[in-house]
N, C-alpha and C. Protein backbone atom coordinates (compact mmCIF):
# COMPACT_ATOMS: atom_id res chain seq x y z
N MET A 1 -3.83 -17.66 10.88
CA MET A 1 -3.93 -16.44 11.73
C MET A 1 -5.01 -15.58 11.31
N SER A 2 -5.78 -14.91 12.28
CA SER A 2 -6.78 -14.03 11.95
C SER A 2 -6.55 -12.77 12.80
N VAL A 3 -7.08 -11.63 12.31
CA VAL A 3 -7.11 -10.44 12.98
C VAL A 3 -8.47 -9.85 12.79
N ASN A 4 -9.00 -9.30 13.94
CA ASN A 4 -10.33 -8.80 13.89
C ASN A 4 -10.17 -7.22 13.90
N ILE A 5 -10.96 -6.63 12.93
CA ILE A 5 -10.97 -5.14 12.87
C ILE A 5 -12.52 -4.78 13.10
N GLN A 6 -12.73 -3.88 14.07
CA GLN A 6 -14.06 -3.44 14.40
C GLN A 6 -14.18 -2.01 13.75
N ALA A 7 -15.32 -1.62 13.30
CA ALA A 7 -15.52 -0.33 12.67
C ALA A 7 -16.95 0.12 13.09
N ILE A 8 -17.07 1.40 13.29
CA ILE A 8 -18.31 2.09 13.63
C ILE A 8 -18.46 3.29 12.66
N TYR A 9 -19.71 3.44 12.19
CA TYR A 9 -20.07 4.58 11.36
C TYR A 9 -20.26 5.67 12.26
N THR A 10 -19.57 6.83 12.04
CA THR A 10 -19.57 8.00 12.89
C THR A 10 -20.49 9.04 12.37
N GLY A 11 -21.11 8.88 11.26
CA GLY A 11 -21.95 9.91 10.59
C GLY A 11 -21.22 10.68 9.48
N ASN A 12 -21.93 11.34 8.68
CA ASN A 12 -21.32 12.22 7.67
C ASN A 12 -20.29 11.49 6.76
N LEU A 13 -20.54 10.20 6.53
CA LEU A 13 -19.74 9.34 5.71
C LEU A 13 -18.33 8.93 6.37
N GLY A 14 -18.28 9.16 7.67
CA GLY A 14 -17.06 8.90 8.43
C GLY A 14 -17.16 7.51 9.09
N VAL A 15 -16.01 6.93 9.27
CA VAL A 15 -15.87 5.62 9.93
C VAL A 15 -14.65 5.55 10.85
N ARG A 16 -14.84 5.04 12.04
CA ARG A 16 -13.67 4.84 12.87
C ARG A 16 -13.42 3.39 13.05
N ALA A 17 -12.24 2.89 12.76
CA ALA A 17 -11.91 1.48 12.75
C ALA A 17 -10.94 1.24 13.88
N THR A 18 -11.04 0.09 14.56
CA THR A 18 -10.13 -0.26 15.65
C THR A 18 -9.51 -1.63 15.35
N HIS A 19 -8.13 -1.60 15.43
CA HIS A 19 -7.34 -2.84 15.16
C HIS A 19 -7.42 -3.66 16.45
N GLY A 20 -8.04 -4.87 16.35
CA GLY A 20 -8.25 -5.67 17.51
C GLY A 20 -7.00 -5.93 18.31
N PRO A 21 -5.88 -6.45 17.81
CA PRO A 21 -4.81 -6.78 18.60
C PRO A 21 -4.17 -5.61 19.37
N SER A 22 -4.04 -4.52 18.71
CA SER A 22 -3.30 -3.31 19.38
C SER A 22 -4.28 -2.34 19.96
N GLY A 23 -5.51 -2.15 19.49
CA GLY A 23 -6.39 -1.13 19.90
C GLY A 23 -6.21 0.15 19.22
N ASN A 24 -5.21 0.17 18.24
CA ASN A 24 -5.03 1.43 17.43
C ASN A 24 -6.17 1.73 16.66
N GLN A 25 -6.41 3.06 16.37
CA GLN A 25 -7.62 3.41 15.61
C GLN A 25 -7.18 4.30 14.45
N LEU A 26 -8.06 4.27 13.38
CA LEU A 26 -7.93 5.19 12.33
C LEU A 26 -9.26 5.58 11.84
N THR A 27 -9.37 6.69 11.16
CA THR A 27 -10.67 7.11 10.63
C THR A 27 -10.69 7.13 9.14
N THR A 28 -11.76 7.02 8.53
CA THR A 28 -11.91 7.22 7.08
C THR A 28 -12.96 8.21 6.78
N ASP A 29 -12.97 8.83 5.61
CA ASP A 29 -13.92 9.68 5.17
C ASP A 29 -14.15 9.40 3.65
N ALA A 30 -15.27 9.51 3.09
CA ALA A 30 -15.49 9.48 1.69
C ALA A 30 -14.83 10.67 0.98
N PRO A 31 -14.27 10.37 -0.18
CA PRO A 31 -13.62 11.50 -0.90
C PRO A 31 -14.66 12.57 -1.34
N VAL A 32 -14.18 13.79 -1.60
CA VAL A 32 -15.02 14.86 -2.00
C VAL A 32 -15.81 14.54 -3.19
N ASP A 33 -15.19 13.85 -4.16
CA ASP A 33 -15.91 13.57 -5.48
C ASP A 33 -16.94 12.46 -5.29
N ASN A 34 -17.06 11.98 -4.10
CA ASN A 34 -18.10 10.88 -3.79
C ASN A 34 -18.93 11.33 -2.59
N GLY A 35 -18.94 12.61 -2.38
CA GLY A 35 -19.90 13.13 -1.36
C GLY A 35 -19.35 13.34 0.04
N GLY A 36 -18.06 12.98 0.25
CA GLY A 36 -17.49 13.18 1.58
C GLY A 36 -16.83 14.48 1.67
N GLN A 37 -16.19 14.65 2.81
CA GLN A 37 -15.53 15.96 3.06
C GLN A 37 -13.98 15.78 2.82
N GLY A 38 -13.48 14.60 2.53
CA GLY A 38 -12.12 14.37 2.22
C GLY A 38 -11.17 14.76 3.33
N THR A 39 -11.66 14.52 4.62
CA THR A 39 -10.76 14.90 5.79
C THR A 39 -9.87 13.80 6.20
N SER A 40 -9.94 12.64 5.61
CA SER A 40 -9.04 11.58 6.02
C SER A 40 -8.89 10.53 4.84
N PHE A 41 -8.23 9.52 5.09
CA PHE A 41 -8.12 8.50 4.09
C PHE A 41 -9.46 7.97 3.70
N SER A 42 -9.64 7.69 2.45
CA SER A 42 -10.91 7.01 2.00
C SER A 42 -10.64 5.52 2.14
N PRO A 43 -11.66 4.63 2.06
CA PRO A 43 -11.40 3.31 2.09
C PRO A 43 -10.48 2.73 0.94
N THR A 44 -10.68 3.35 -0.31
CA THR A 44 -9.76 2.93 -1.28
C THR A 44 -8.48 3.52 -1.18
N ASP A 45 -8.23 4.60 -0.48
CA ASP A 45 -6.95 5.16 -0.17
C ASP A 45 -6.18 4.13 0.74
N LEU A 46 -6.92 3.55 1.60
CA LEU A 46 -6.31 2.50 2.47
C LEU A 46 -5.82 1.31 1.71
N VAL A 47 -6.42 0.97 0.57
CA VAL A 47 -5.96 -0.06 -0.23
C VAL A 47 -4.62 0.33 -0.79
N ALA A 48 -4.46 1.51 -1.36
CA ALA A 48 -3.19 2.06 -1.81
C ALA A 48 -2.15 2.06 -0.69
N THR A 49 -2.57 2.50 0.47
CA THR A 49 -1.63 2.53 1.69
C THR A 49 -1.15 1.22 2.03
N ALA A 50 -2.13 0.25 1.99
CA ALA A 50 -1.74 -1.19 2.31
C ALA A 50 -0.77 -1.70 1.33
N LEU A 51 -0.93 -1.43 0.05
CA LEU A 51 0.00 -1.95 -0.94
C LEU A 51 1.34 -1.29 -0.71
N GLY A 52 1.40 -0.03 -0.55
CA GLY A 52 2.76 0.59 -0.30
C GLY A 52 3.46 0.12 0.92
N SER A 53 2.72 -0.04 2.02
CA SER A 53 3.40 -0.44 3.22
C SER A 53 3.74 -1.94 3.09
N CYS A 54 2.96 -2.74 2.45
CA CYS A 54 3.25 -4.19 2.34
C CYS A 54 4.51 -4.35 1.49
N VAL A 55 4.63 -3.55 0.38
CA VAL A 55 5.94 -3.65 -0.43
C VAL A 55 7.09 -3.22 0.37
N LEU A 56 7.01 -2.20 1.15
CA LEU A 56 8.14 -1.86 1.96
C LEU A 56 8.49 -2.90 3.11
N THR A 57 7.41 -3.49 3.70
CA THR A 57 7.69 -4.50 4.65
C THR A 57 8.27 -5.69 4.10
N ILE A 58 7.82 -6.15 2.98
CA ILE A 58 8.46 -7.32 2.30
C ILE A 58 9.88 -6.99 2.00
N LEU A 59 10.18 -5.85 1.40
CA LEU A 59 11.47 -5.43 1.09
C LEU A 59 12.41 -5.47 2.40
N GLY A 60 11.84 -5.00 3.48
CA GLY A 60 12.55 -4.97 4.78
C GLY A 60 12.86 -6.36 5.20
N LEU A 61 12.03 -7.27 5.11
CA LEU A 61 12.14 -8.64 5.51
C LEU A 61 13.32 -9.29 4.74
N VAL A 62 13.22 -9.11 3.37
CA VAL A 62 14.32 -9.74 2.56
C VAL A 62 15.68 -9.04 2.91
N ALA A 63 15.66 -7.76 3.00
CA ALA A 63 16.89 -7.02 3.28
C ALA A 63 17.51 -7.50 4.57
N GLN A 64 16.68 -7.70 5.61
CA GLN A 64 17.26 -8.20 6.90
C GLN A 64 17.90 -9.51 6.73
N ARG A 65 17.30 -10.39 5.97
CA ARG A 65 17.86 -11.71 5.81
C ARG A 65 19.32 -11.63 5.11
N HIS A 66 19.49 -10.57 4.37
CA HIS A 66 20.74 -10.40 3.68
C HIS A 66 21.57 -9.31 4.19
N GLU A 67 21.21 -8.91 5.46
CA GLU A 67 21.95 -7.92 6.18
C GLU A 67 22.23 -6.59 5.43
N ILE A 68 21.08 -6.17 4.80
CA ILE A 68 21.03 -4.96 4.06
C ILE A 68 20.18 -3.99 4.77
N ASP A 69 20.56 -2.70 4.94
CA ASP A 69 19.76 -1.72 5.65
C ASP A 69 19.09 -0.90 4.64
N LEU A 70 17.76 -0.93 4.42
CA LEU A 70 17.06 -0.17 3.48
C LEU A 70 16.40 1.12 4.11
N THR A 71 16.88 1.48 5.18
CA THR A 71 16.38 2.71 5.84
C THR A 71 16.45 3.90 4.84
N GLY A 72 15.30 4.61 4.64
CA GLY A 72 15.24 5.69 3.83
C GLY A 72 14.59 5.31 2.46
N THR A 73 14.34 3.99 2.24
CA THR A 73 13.67 3.68 1.05
C THR A 73 12.27 4.14 1.09
N LYS A 74 11.71 4.68 0.05
CA LYS A 74 10.39 5.19 0.00
C LYS A 74 9.52 4.57 -1.07
N VAL A 75 8.23 4.64 -0.88
CA VAL A 75 7.32 4.13 -1.82
C VAL A 75 6.25 5.24 -2.04
N SER A 76 5.82 5.27 -3.33
CA SER A 76 4.76 6.23 -3.75
C SER A 76 3.75 5.43 -4.47
N VAL A 77 2.48 5.50 -4.06
CA VAL A 77 1.42 4.74 -4.77
C VAL A 77 0.42 5.76 -5.21
N THR A 78 0.15 5.76 -6.49
CA THR A 78 -0.91 6.61 -7.08
C THR A 78 -2.03 5.79 -7.43
N LYS A 79 -3.18 6.19 -6.78
CA LYS A 79 -4.40 5.45 -6.94
C LYS A 79 -5.29 6.16 -8.05
N GLU A 80 -5.77 5.39 -9.07
CA GLU A 80 -6.67 6.06 -9.99
C GLU A 80 -8.01 5.25 -9.95
N MET A 81 -9.06 5.95 -9.82
CA MET A 81 -10.36 5.36 -9.86
C MET A 81 -10.98 5.27 -11.28
N VAL A 82 -11.80 4.30 -11.53
CA VAL A 82 -12.55 4.28 -12.78
C VAL A 82 -14.04 4.30 -12.44
N ALA A 83 -14.87 4.75 -13.42
CA ALA A 83 -16.29 4.79 -13.10
C ALA A 83 -17.07 3.63 -13.80
N GLN A 84 -16.47 3.00 -14.74
CA GLN A 84 -17.17 1.98 -15.55
C GLN A 84 -16.38 0.67 -15.44
N PRO A 85 -16.94 -0.44 -15.30
CA PRO A 85 -18.45 -0.60 -15.31
C PRO A 85 -19.09 -0.26 -13.97
N VAL A 86 -18.28 -0.10 -12.88
CA VAL A 86 -18.71 0.41 -11.55
C VAL A 86 -17.59 1.24 -11.00
N ARG A 87 -17.83 2.10 -10.07
CA ARG A 87 -16.89 2.83 -9.35
C ARG A 87 -15.87 1.91 -8.65
N ARG A 88 -14.64 1.89 -9.00
CA ARG A 88 -13.62 1.04 -8.29
C ARG A 88 -12.22 1.51 -8.57
N ILE A 89 -11.27 0.91 -7.89
CA ILE A 89 -9.91 1.21 -8.20
C ILE A 89 -9.54 0.65 -9.61
N GLY A 90 -9.02 1.50 -10.51
CA GLY A 90 -8.57 0.90 -11.76
C GLY A 90 -7.02 0.73 -11.88
N ARG A 91 -6.27 1.51 -11.17
CA ARG A 91 -4.86 1.45 -11.19
C ARG A 91 -4.22 1.85 -9.96
N LEU A 92 -3.16 1.17 -9.56
CA LEU A 92 -2.26 1.49 -8.35
C LEU A 92 -0.93 1.35 -8.88
N GLU A 93 -0.42 2.55 -9.28
CA GLU A 93 0.92 2.66 -9.80
C GLU A 93 1.97 2.95 -8.61
N THR A 94 2.85 1.98 -8.40
CA THR A 94 3.75 1.99 -7.24
C THR A 94 5.18 2.29 -7.82
N THR A 95 5.80 3.24 -7.07
CA THR A 95 7.22 3.47 -7.37
C THR A 95 8.01 3.37 -6.09
N VAL A 96 8.97 2.52 -6.03
CA VAL A 96 9.92 2.31 -4.93
C VAL A 96 11.20 3.07 -5.30
N THR A 97 11.64 3.93 -4.38
CA THR A 97 12.90 4.60 -4.53
C THR A 97 13.86 4.23 -3.44
N VAL A 98 14.99 3.60 -3.90
CA VAL A 98 16.02 3.14 -3.01
C VAL A 98 17.14 4.06 -3.00
N PRO A 99 17.58 4.66 -1.81
CA PRO A 99 18.68 5.53 -1.86
C PRO A 99 20.01 5.00 -2.36
N ALA A 100 20.76 5.83 -2.94
CA ALA A 100 22.07 5.55 -3.61
C ALA A 100 22.88 4.75 -2.63
N GLY A 101 23.52 3.71 -3.24
CA GLY A 101 24.47 2.87 -2.52
C GLY A 101 24.00 1.85 -1.56
N LEU A 102 22.71 1.71 -1.40
CA LEU A 102 22.10 0.68 -0.47
C LEU A 102 22.08 -0.66 -1.18
N VAL A 103 21.79 -0.74 -2.50
CA VAL A 103 21.74 -1.98 -3.16
C VAL A 103 22.27 -1.85 -4.55
N ASP A 104 23.57 -2.15 -4.65
CA ASP A 104 24.24 -1.97 -5.96
C ASP A 104 24.35 -3.30 -6.77
N ASP A 105 24.24 -4.44 -6.04
CA ASP A 105 24.33 -5.72 -6.70
C ASP A 105 23.08 -6.07 -7.52
N PRO A 106 23.28 -6.23 -8.84
CA PRO A 106 22.15 -6.50 -9.70
C PRO A 106 21.32 -7.75 -9.29
N ALA A 107 21.96 -8.79 -8.81
CA ALA A 107 21.20 -9.97 -8.36
C ALA A 107 20.34 -9.63 -7.16
N MET A 108 20.87 -8.85 -6.30
CA MET A 108 20.04 -8.49 -5.11
C MET A 108 18.94 -7.56 -5.46
N ARG A 109 19.07 -6.70 -6.42
CA ARG A 109 18.03 -5.87 -6.88
C ARG A 109 16.96 -6.75 -7.47
N ASP A 110 17.32 -7.69 -8.30
CA ASP A 110 16.28 -8.59 -8.85
C ASP A 110 15.56 -9.40 -7.79
N ARG A 111 16.31 -9.81 -6.71
CA ARG A 111 15.61 -10.57 -5.63
C ARG A 111 14.63 -9.67 -4.89
N LEU A 112 15.02 -8.48 -4.65
CA LEU A 112 14.13 -7.48 -3.99
C LEU A 112 12.86 -7.14 -4.78
N GLU A 113 13.17 -6.94 -6.09
CA GLU A 113 11.98 -6.55 -6.96
C GLU A 113 11.04 -7.68 -7.13
N ALA A 114 11.50 -8.94 -7.18
CA ALA A 114 10.60 -10.15 -7.31
C ALA A 114 9.84 -10.25 -5.98
N ALA A 115 10.48 -10.05 -4.85
CA ALA A 115 9.76 -10.15 -3.55
C ALA A 115 8.63 -9.08 -3.45
N ALA A 116 8.99 -7.95 -3.93
CA ALA A 116 8.00 -6.79 -3.81
C ALA A 116 6.69 -7.20 -4.52
N ARG A 117 6.94 -7.86 -5.70
CA ARG A 117 5.75 -8.14 -6.55
C ARG A 117 4.95 -9.36 -5.95
N LYS A 118 5.48 -9.92 -5.00
CA LYS A 118 4.86 -11.06 -4.36
C LYS A 118 4.26 -10.74 -2.98
N CYS A 119 4.31 -9.39 -2.58
CA CYS A 119 3.72 -9.07 -1.36
C CYS A 119 2.27 -9.46 -1.28
N PRO A 120 1.85 -9.83 -0.13
CA PRO A 120 0.39 -10.33 0.02
C PRO A 120 -0.69 -9.37 -0.52
N VAL A 121 -0.52 -8.11 -0.34
CA VAL A 121 -1.54 -7.23 -0.87
C VAL A 121 -1.52 -7.18 -2.30
N HIS A 122 -0.34 -7.15 -2.92
CA HIS A 122 -0.29 -7.11 -4.38
C HIS A 122 -0.85 -8.36 -4.97
N GLN A 123 -0.58 -9.54 -4.27
CA GLN A 123 -1.13 -10.82 -4.76
C GLN A 123 -2.65 -10.88 -4.51
N SER A 124 -3.28 -10.06 -3.63
CA SER A 124 -4.61 -10.06 -3.40
C SER A 124 -5.50 -9.18 -4.27
N LEU A 125 -4.83 -8.33 -4.99
CA LEU A 125 -5.55 -7.43 -5.87
C LEU A 125 -6.23 -8.19 -6.97
N HIS A 126 -7.43 -7.69 -7.34
CA HIS A 126 -8.17 -8.27 -8.56
C HIS A 126 -7.39 -8.07 -9.75
N THR A 127 -7.42 -9.02 -10.67
CA THR A 127 -6.59 -8.91 -11.92
C THR A 127 -7.10 -7.73 -12.79
N ASP A 128 -8.20 -7.21 -12.52
CA ASP A 128 -8.60 -5.98 -13.27
C ASP A 128 -7.95 -4.70 -12.94
N ILE A 129 -7.22 -4.74 -11.74
CA ILE A 129 -6.54 -3.62 -11.29
C ILE A 129 -5.14 -3.65 -11.88
N ASP A 130 -4.77 -2.56 -12.61
CA ASP A 130 -3.46 -2.41 -13.18
C ASP A 130 -2.57 -2.03 -12.01
N ALA A 131 -1.50 -2.80 -11.63
CA ALA A 131 -0.78 -2.52 -10.48
C ALA A 131 0.79 -2.66 -10.74
N PRO A 132 1.30 -1.84 -11.58
CA PRO A 132 2.67 -2.01 -11.81
C PRO A 132 3.58 -1.43 -10.64
N ILE A 133 4.73 -2.05 -10.51
CA ILE A 133 5.74 -1.69 -9.50
C ILE A 133 7.02 -1.38 -10.19
N THR A 134 7.47 -0.08 -10.04
CA THR A 134 8.70 0.34 -10.66
C THR A 134 9.71 0.66 -9.57
N PHE A 135 10.99 0.36 -9.83
CA PHE A 135 12.08 0.59 -8.87
C PHE A 135 13.00 1.69 -9.32
N ILE A 136 13.34 2.60 -8.57
CA ILE A 136 14.37 3.61 -8.93
C ILE A 136 15.47 3.54 -7.85
N TYR A 137 16.75 3.40 -8.37
CA TYR A 137 17.88 3.30 -7.46
C TYR A 137 18.60 4.63 -7.72
N GLU A 138 18.56 5.54 -6.74
CA GLU A 138 19.14 6.79 -6.89
C GLU A 138 20.63 6.74 -6.82
């Protein structure tokens, strides 16, 4: 399966991308510390966003198969950039917070946590990126 994304440079370090199948659009801007205005997600912010949404999607798929409702589960991804040897993402620290009472069974927690670590975005990250995933069950 393939998906085509079209993007156009809109000037002033801005880009507008269009998702081929749906026509939905999003914009990006370079971060302030890299000469942009910081008015939108940066391209590397989208990597962090992709990781967080991928983790939640995979958790949702596993939960559906086991008739568990994970509504209200949250993810927080903190992106840290490094400058050496080149400017790139150095760390994507992910924390998943599951509301109290949704998943009390230790075996199911293990299953969900293993699935999250196998999400396609997490698996696609370069090994130089430190990308821990922590779970909190409130």
